Amino acid sequence: MYDQNSNEPWAIVRLISPMQWVVVTRYRSRVDAERNLKFCRQQIAEIKFELVFEPPNNQS
C-alpha cells in the first residue's frame, strides 16, 4: 500500500483497462521516472505504461 506521506510521488503504472492500473514502481524525481518509463516501453512494447503523479497528502 502506498503511504500518502511518502516522498516518492512519481509512479510508473501498467494500464490494465482505461480506468484500471497497477503501480509498477515509484520515484522521487520525474526525470528518473521518465527515464525508466522509456526503458519499460522499449523492453515490453505490447504493454501500456504511463507516468502518474500522486502528490503527498500533508493533512494531519
C-alpha atoms as a PDB file:
ATOM      1  CA  MET A   1       0.000   0.000   0.000  1.00  0.00           C
ATOM      2  CA  TYR A   2       1.198   3.494  -0.827  1.00  0.00           C
ATOM      3  CA  ASP A   3       1.941   5.837   2.045  1.00  0.00           C
ATOM      4  CA  GLN A   4       0.368   9.177   1.100  1.00  0.00           C
ATOM      5  CA  ASN A   5       3.139  10.966   3.026  1.00  0.00           C
ATOM      6  CA  SER A   6       5.840   9.212   1.012  1.00  0.00           C
ATOM      7  CA  ASN A   7       8.456  11.249  -0.795  1.00  0.00           C
ATOM      8  CA  GLU A   8       8.069   9.178  -3.997  1.00  0.00           C
ATOM      9  CA  PRO A   9       5.137  10.828  -5.782  1.00  0.00           C
ATOM     10  CA  TRP A  10       6.042   9.768  -9.350  1.00  0.00           C
ATOM     11  CA  ALA A  11       4.855   6.314 -10.367  1.00  0.00           C
ATOM     12  CA  ILE A  12       5.069   4.152 -13.465  1.00  0.00           C
ATOM     13  CA  VAL A  13       1.803   2.306 -13.884  1.00  0.00           C
ATOM     14  CA  ARG A  14       0.747  -0.565 -16.117  1.00  0.00           C
ATOM     15  CA  LEU A  15      -2.611   0.065 -17.765  1.00  0.00           C
ATOM     16  CA  ILE A  16      -4.999  -2.869 -17.469  1.00  0.00           C
ATOM     17  CA  SER A  17      -8.059  -1.038 -18.781  1.00  0.00           C
ATOM     18  CA  PRO A  18      -8.881   2.652 -19.327  1.00  0.00           C
ATOM     19  CA  MET A  19      -9.951   3.025 -15.687  1.00  0.00           C
ATOM     20  CA  GLN A  20      -7.725   0.437 -14.011  1.00  0.00           C
ATOM     21  CA  TRP A  21      -3.974   0.406 -13.482  1.00  0.00           C
ATOM     22  CA  VAL A  22      -1.304  -1.193 -11.313  1.00  0.00           C
ATOM     23  CA  VAL A  23       1.716   0.633  -9.907  1.00  0.00           C
ATOM     24  CA  VAL A  24       4.942  -0.940 -11.162  1.00  0.00           C
ATOM     25  CA  THR A  25       7.407   1.281  -9.288  1.00  0.00           C
ATOM     26  CA  ARG A  26       7.760   4.725  -7.671  1.00  0.00           C
ATOM     27  CA  TYR A  27      10.352   7.512  -7.901  1.00  0.00           C
ATOM     28  CA  ARG A  28      11.290  10.707  -6.149  1.00  0.00           C
ATOM     29  CA  SER A  29      12.171  12.612  -9.299  1.00  0.00           C
ATOM     30  CA  ARG A  30      10.292  12.984 -12.552  1.00  0.00           C
ATOM     31  CA  VAL A  31      13.499  12.632 -14.559  1.00  0.00           C
ATOM     32  CA  ASP A  32      14.228   9.190 -13.092  1.00  0.00           C
ATOM     33  CA  ALA A  33      10.639   8.107 -13.649  1.00  0.00           C
ATOM     34  CA  GLU A  34      10.635   9.273 -17.289  1.00  0.00           C
ATOM     35  CA  ARG A  35      13.950   7.518 -17.964  1.00  0.00           C
ATOM     36  CA  ASN A  36      12.650   4.222 -16.613  1.00  0.00           C
ATOM     37  CA  LEU A  37       9.287   4.655 -18.330  1.00  0.00           C
ATOM     38  CA  LYS A  38      11.124   4.885 -21.647  1.00  0.00           C
ATOM     39  CA  PHE A  39      13.062   1.723 -20.783  1.00  0.00           C
ATOM     40  CA  CYS A  40       9.862  -0.172 -19.849  1.00  0.00           C
ATOM     41  CA  ARG A  41       8.203   0.844 -23.106  1.00  0.00           C
ATOM     42  CA  GLN A  42      11.220  -0.312 -25.127  1.00  0.00           C
ATOM     43  CA  GLN A  43      11.529  -3.663 -23.356  1.00  0.00           C
ATOM     44  CA  ILE A  44       7.827  -4.591 -23.291  1.00  0.00           C
ATOM     45  CA  ALA A  45       6.192  -2.816 -26.217  1.00  0.00           C
ATOM     46  CA  GLU A  46       2.910  -4.757 -26.070  1.00  0.00           C
ATOM     47  CA  ILE A  47       2.073  -3.478 -22.553  1.00  0.00           C
ATOM     48  CA  LYS A  48       0.946   0.112 -22.000  1.00  0.00           C
ATOM     49  CA  PHE A  49       2.806   2.057 -19.328  1.00  0.00           C
ATOM     50  CA  GLU A  50       2.099   5.598 -18.155  1.00  0.00           C
ATOM     51  CA  LEU A  51       3.626   8.058 -15.729  1.00  0.00           C
ATOM     52  CA  VAL A  52       1.401   9.399 -12.951  1.00  0.00           C
ATOM     53  CA  PHE A  53       1.925  11.930 -10.177  1.00  0.00           C
ATOM     54  CA  GLU A  54       0.339  11.426  -6.769  1.00  0.00           C
ATOM     55  CA  PRO A  55       1.258  14.359  -4.524  1.00  0.00           C
ATOM     56  CA  PRO A  56       1.823  13.661  -0.838  1.00  0.00           C
ATOM     57  CA  ASN A  57      -1.122  14.252   1.465  1.00  0.00           C
ATOM     58  CA  ASN A  58       0.113  16.782   4.037  1.00  0.00           C
ATOM     59  CA  GLN A  59      -3.046  16.764   6.150  1.00  0.00           C
ATOM     60  CA  SER A  60      -2.617  15.631   9.742  1.00  0.00           C
END
